[in-house]
C-alpha atoms as a PDB file:
ATOM      1  CA  MET A   1     -17.595  -2.444  -4.945  1.00  0.00           C
ATOM      2  CA  LEU A   2     -14.784  -0.021  -3.889  1.00  0.00           C
ATOM      3  CA  LYS A   3     -11.725  -1.639  -2.439  1.00  0.00           C
ATOM      4  CA  PRO A   4      -9.624   0.269   0.097  1.00  0.00           C
ATOM      5  CA  ILE A   5      -5.999   1.151  -0.538  1.00  0.00           C
ATOM      6  CA  LEU A   6      -3.756   0.168   2.244  1.00  0.00           C
ATOM      7  CA  LEU A   7      -0.995   3.073   2.776  1.00  0.00           C
ATOM      8  CA  VAL A   8       2.090   1.939   4.788  1.00  0.00           C
ATOM      9  CA  GLU A   9       3.981   5.058   5.621  1.00  0.00           C
ATOM     10  CA  ASP A  10       5.900   6.290   8.633  1.00  0.00           C
ATOM     11  CA  ASN A  11       6.981   9.693   7.518  1.00  0.00           C
ATOM     12  CA  PRO A  12       4.260  12.265   8.504  1.00  0.00           C
ATOM     13  CA  ASN A  13       5.045  14.598   5.622  1.00  0.00           C
ATOM     14  CA  ASP A  14       5.107  11.790   2.970  1.00  0.00           C
ATOM     15  CA  LEU A  15       1.870  10.542   4.360  1.00  0.00           C
ATOM     16  CA  GLU A  16       0.204  13.945   4.143  1.00  0.00           C
ATOM     17  CA  LEU A  17       1.537  14.536   0.706  1.00  0.00           C
ATOM     18  CA  THR A  18       0.223  11.089  -0.578  1.00  0.00           C
ATOM     19  CA  LEU A  19      -3.292  11.644   1.210  1.00  0.00           C
ATOM     20  CA  ILE A  20      -3.415  15.285  -0.767  1.00  0.00           C
ATOM     21  CA  ALA A  21      -2.293  13.517  -3.983  1.00  0.00           C
ATOM     22  CA  LEU A  22      -4.770  10.564  -3.630  1.00  0.00           C
ATOM     23  CA  SER A  23      -7.723  13.040  -2.832  1.00  0.00           C
ATOM     24  CA  LYS A  24      -6.703  15.397  -5.813  1.00  0.00           C
ATOM     25  CA  SER A  25      -7.186  12.228  -8.052  1.00  0.00           C
ATOM     26  CA  GLN A  26     -10.823  12.264  -6.696  1.00  0.00           C
ATOM     27  CA  LEU A  27     -10.605   8.418  -5.798  1.00  0.00           C
ATOM     28  CA  ALA A  28     -13.782   7.378  -3.563  1.00  0.00           C
ATOM     29  CA  ASN A  29     -11.487   4.519  -2.223  1.00  0.00           C
ATOM     30  CA  GLN A  30     -11.198   4.479   1.588  1.00  0.00           C
ATOM     31  CA  VAL A  31      -7.430   4.873   2.469  1.00  0.00           C
ATOM     32  CA  ILE A  32      -6.252   2.728   5.328  1.00  0.00           C
ATOM     33  CA  ILE A  33      -3.314   4.118   7.134  1.00  0.00           C
ATOM     34  CA  VAL A  34      -0.709   1.920   9.001  1.00  0.00           C
ATOM     35  CA  ARG A  35       2.526   3.383  10.252  1.00  0.00           C
ATOM     36  CA  ASP A  36       4.996   0.562  10.351  1.00  0.00           C
ATOM     37  CA  GLY A  37       5.508  -3.018   8.847  1.00  0.00           C
ATOM     38  CA  ALA A  38       4.068  -4.865  11.897  1.00  0.00           C
ATOM     39  CA  GLU A  39       0.935  -3.069  11.903  1.00  0.00           C
ATOM     40  CA  ALA A  40       0.484  -3.700   7.960  1.00  0.00           C
ATOM     41  CA  LEU A  41       1.003  -7.395   8.543  1.00  0.00           C
ATOM     42  CA  ASP A  42      -1.487  -7.274  11.415  1.00  0.00           C
ATOM     43  CA  TYR A  43      -3.979  -5.529   8.995  1.00  0.00           C
ATOM     44  CA  LEU A  44      -3.420  -8.086   6.185  1.00  0.00           C
ATOM     45  CA  HIS A  45      -3.470 -11.009   8.377  1.00  0.00           C
ATOM     46  CA  ARG A  46      -6.741  -9.688  10.196  1.00  0.00           C
ATOM     47  CA  ARG A  47      -5.102  -9.774  13.778  1.00  0.00           C
ATOM     48  CA  GLY A  48      -4.766  -7.481  16.708  1.00  0.00           C
ATOM     49  CA  GLU A  49      -6.829  -4.399  16.409  1.00  0.00           C
ATOM     50  CA  TYR A  50      -7.728  -5.542  12.908  1.00  0.00           C
ATOM     51  CA  ALA A  51      -9.112  -8.966  13.831  1.00  0.00           C
ATOM     52  CA  SER A  52     -12.592  -7.864  13.378  1.00  0.00           C
ATOM     53  CA  ARG A  53     -12.214  -6.053   9.770  1.00  0.00           C
ATOM     54  CA  PRO A  54     -14.018  -7.482   7.010  1.00  0.00           C
ATOM     55  CA  ALA A  55     -12.490 -10.427   5.006  1.00  0.00           C
ATOM     56  CA  GLY A  56     -10.652  -9.806   1.852  1.00  0.00           C
ATOM     57  CA  ASN A  57      -7.534  -7.901   0.630  1.00  0.00           C
ATOM     58  CA  PRO A  58      -7.366  -4.153  -0.309  1.00  0.00           C
ATOM     59  CA  ALA A  59      -7.232  -3.046  -4.006  1.00  0.00           C
ATOM     60  CA  VAL A  60      -3.419  -2.337  -3.640  1.00  0.00           C
ATOM     61  CA  VAL A  61      -0.709  -1.757  -0.960  1.00  0.00           C
ATOM     62  CA  LEU A  62       1.297   1.237  -1.133  1.00  0.00           C
ATOM     63  CA  LEU A  63       4.352   0.323   0.767  1.00  0.00           C
ATOM     64  CA  ASP A  64       7.233   2.334   1.944  1.00  0.00           C
ATOM     65  CA  LEU A  65      10.543   0.687   1.975  1.00  0.00           C
ATOM     66  CA  LYS A  66      12.292   2.024   5.084  1.00  0.00           C
ATOM     67  CA  LEU A  67       9.690   1.140   8.036  1.00  0.00           C
ATOM     68  CA  PRO A  68      10.103   0.843  11.680  1.00  0.00           C
ATOM     69  CA  LYS A  69       9.429  -2.584  13.494  1.00  0.00           C
ATOM     70  CA  VAL A  70       9.434  -4.626  10.129  1.00  0.00           C
ATOM     71  CA  ASP A  71      10.697  -2.862   6.870  1.00  0.00           C
ATOM     72  CA  GLY A  72       9.034  -3.023   3.556  1.00  0.00           C
ATOM     73  CA  LEU A  73      11.007  -5.778   2.143  1.00  0.00           C
ATOM     74  CA  GLU A  74       9.894  -8.084   5.085  1.00  0.00           C
ATOM     75  CA  VAL A  75       6.455  -7.209   4.657  1.00  0.00           C
ATOM     76  CA  LEU A  76       6.660  -7.882   0.940  1.00  0.00           C
ATOM     77  CA  ARG A  77       8.271 -11.264   1.505  1.00  0.00           C
ATOM     78  CA  GLU A  78       5.617 -12.227   3.954  1.00  0.00           C
ATOM     79  CA  VAL A  79       2.738 -11.138   1.607  1.00  0.00           C
ATOM     80  CA  ARG A  80       4.353 -13.211  -1.207  1.00  0.00           C
ATOM     81  CA  SER A  81       4.587 -16.296   1.081  1.00  0.00           C
ATOM     82  CA  THR A  82       1.182 -16.258   2.269  1.00  0.00           C
ATOM     83  CA  ASP A  83      -1.510 -17.957   0.142  1.00  0.00           C
ATOM     84  CA  GLY A  84      -4.363 -15.688   0.699  1.00  0.00           C
ATOM     85  CA  LEU A  85      -2.187 -12.557   0.281  1.00  0.00           C
ATOM     86  CA  LYS A  86       0.206 -13.674  -2.745  1.00  0.00           C
ATOM     87  CA  PRO A  87      -2.010 -12.120  -5.632  1.00  0.00           C
ATOM     88  CA  LEU A  88      -2.311  -8.888  -3.806  1.00  0.00           C
ATOM     89  CA  PRO A  89      -0.815  -5.908  -5.613  1.00  0.00           C
ATOM     90  CA  VAL A  90       2.115  -4.189  -3.963  1.00  0.00           C
ATOM     91  CA  VAL A  91       3.682  -0.959  -5.050  1.00  0.00           C
ATOM     92  CA  MET A  92       6.857  -0.010  -3.391  1.00  0.00           C
ATOM     93  CA  LEU A  93       6.454   3.704  -2.722  1.00  0.00           C
ATOM     94  CA  THR A  94       9.916   5.000  -1.547  1.00  0.00           C
ATOM     95  CA  SER A  95      12.522   7.492  -1.660  1.00  0.00           C
ATOM     96  CA  SER A  96      15.194   4.998  -2.205  1.00  0.00           C
ATOM     97  CA  LYS A  97      16.907   5.103  -5.694  1.00  0.00           C
ATOM     98  CA  GLU A  98      19.430   2.322  -4.489  1.00  0.00           C
ATOM     99  CA  GLU A  99      19.648  -0.331  -7.245  1.00  0.00           C
ATOM    100  CA  GLN A 100      19.938  -3.079  -4.423  1.00  0.00           C
ATOM    101  CA  ASP A 101      16.375  -1.981  -3.039  1.00  0.00           C
ATOM    102  CA  LEU A 102      14.944  -1.865  -6.482  1.00  0.00           C
ATOM    103  CA  VAL A 103      16.460  -5.483  -7.503  1.00  0.00           C
ATOM    104  CA  ARG A 104      15.547  -7.007  -4.086  1.00  0.00           C
ATOM    105  CA  SER A 105      11.932  -5.656  -4.287  1.00  0.00           C
ATOM    106  CA  TYR A 106      11.282  -7.374  -7.807  1.00  0.00           C
ATOM    107  CA  GLU A 107      12.993 -10.418  -6.676  1.00  0.00           C
ATOM    108  CA  LEU A 108      10.402 -10.728  -3.928  1.00  0.00           C
ATOM    109  CA  GLY A 109       7.525 -10.046  -6.192  1.00  0.00           C
ATOM    110  CA  VAL A 110       6.691  -6.388  -6.083  1.00  0.00           C
ATOM    111  CA  ASN A 111       4.194  -5.080  -8.734  1.00  0.00           C
ATOM    112  CA  ALA A 112       5.890  -1.806  -9.163  1.00  0.00           C
ATOM    113  CA  TYR A 113       8.607   0.315  -7.665  1.00  0.00           C
ATOM    114  CA  VAL A 114       8.044   4.024  -7.623  1.00  0.00           C
ATOM    115  CA  VAL A 115      10.603   6.509  -6.279  1.00  0.00           C
ATOM    116  CA  LYS A 116       8.706   9.417  -4.716  1.00  0.00           C
ATOM    117  CA  PRO A 117       9.400  12.680  -6.633  1.00  0.00           C
ATOM    118  CA  VAL A 118      10.960  15.523  -4.652  1.00  0.00           C
ATOM    119  CA  ASP A 119       8.939  18.143  -6.425  1.00  0.00           C
ATOM    120  CA  PHE A 120       5.415  18.672  -5.007  1.00  0.00           C
ATOM    121  CA  THR A 121       3.737  18.931  -8.280  1.00  0.00           C
ATOM    122  CA  GLU A 122       5.340  15.613  -9.711  1.00  0.00           C
ATOM    123  CA  PHE A 123       4.799  13.886  -6.487  1.00  0.00           C
ATOM    124  CA  VAL A 124       1.023  14.640  -6.559  1.00  0.00           C
ATOM    125  CA  ARG A 125       0.882  13.666 -10.163  1.00  0.00           C
ATOM    126  CA  ALA A 126       2.547  10.548  -9.524  1.00  0.00           C
ATOM    127  CA  ILE A 127       0.430   9.296  -6.600  1.00  0.00           C
ATOM    128  CA  ALA A 128      -2.626  10.394  -8.343  1.00  0.00           C
ATOM    129  CA  ASP A 129      -1.722   8.282 -11.340  1.00  0.00           C
ATOM    130  CA  LEU A 130      -0.847   5.294  -9.160  1.00  0.00           C
ATOM    131  CA  GLY A 131      -4.180   5.674  -7.131  1.00  0.00           C
ATOM    132  CA  ILE A 132      -6.215   5.743 -10.245  1.00  0.00           C
ATOM    133  CA  PHE A 133      -4.415   2.832 -12.033  1.00  0.00           C
ATOM    134  CA  TRP A 134      -4.624   0.599  -9.025  1.00  0.00           C
ATOM    135  CA  ALA A 135      -7.831   1.349  -7.472  1.00  0.00           C
ATOM    136  CA  VAL A 136      -9.878   2.034 -10.561  1.00  0.00           C
ATOM    137  CA  LEU A 137      -8.154   0.786 -13.830  1.00  0.00           C
ATOM    138  CA  ASN A 138      -6.629  -2.321 -12.517  1.00  0.00           C
ATOM    139  CA  GLU A 139      -8.937  -5.464 -12.032  1.00  0.00           C
ATOM    140  CA  PRO A 140      -7.914  -6.611  -8.521  1.00  0.00           C
ATOM    141  CA  PRO A 141      -7.522 -10.416  -7.757  1.00  0.00           C
ATOM    142  CA  PRO A 142     -10.351 -12.592  -6.335  1.00  0.00           C
ATOM    143  CA  GLY A 143     -10.587 -12.088  -2.600  1.00  0.00           C
ATOM    144  CA  SER A 144     -10.202  -8.313  -2.793  1.00  0.00           C
ATOM    145  CA  GLN A 145     -12.557  -6.700  -0.072  1.00  0.00           C
ATOM    146  CA  ARG A 146     -14.955  -3.832  -0.090  1.00  0.00           C
ATOM    147  CA  TYR A 147     -14.240  -1.740   2.757  1.00  0.00           C
ATOM    148  CA  VAL A 148     -16.999  -1.203   5.565  1.00  0.00           C
ATOM    149  CA  LYS A 149     -15.950   1.146   8.439  1.00  0.00           C
ATOM    150  CA  PRO A 150     -16.230  -0.795  11.732  1.00  0.00           C
ATOM    151  CA  ASN A 151     -18.523   0.635  14.595  1.00  0.00           C
ATOM    152  CA  ARG A 152     -16.517   1.873  17.448  1.00  0.00           C
END
C-alpha cells in the first residue's frame, strides 16, 4: 500500500522544484499539495473540502515553516497535540537556518529539520533522499492511509 506524501508549500518555485525532485526519485506515492497551514490542517483533520478523503494519515508531511494563514510551527503544534495525528512523521522543509526555528521545531516534536539547499542539484538530491526515506524505507505508524483519488 502506497501512502501519500503531504507537501505543504506556498512558494510556487519551491513547490515546482520539490515536485521535480520527488519525481526524479521515481516514487510512486501520490503527492498531495496544500498551500497554507490552514489547508494542511483541514486535510489532516478531514474537514472542509477534504471531509470525504479516505481515513488515515499520509506517510509523511513535508512542511514549510513560513506559511500563510497558519505557520508551520502552529501546524506542527496541532499535529503533536491531536491523538490521531501524534505519530505522523513531520519533516520541516524550510529556507530558515535560524537557530530559534530549529530549536522550536524540535521542541514541538518535528522528526527532521531540512534546510532547502540553494543549489538546484543539491536541492533535487536532498528532496529525493527525503522522499525515498520517508515514503519507502521508513515504516509508517499505524493509521497511515493508502491514497485513493476521489471521484469529482
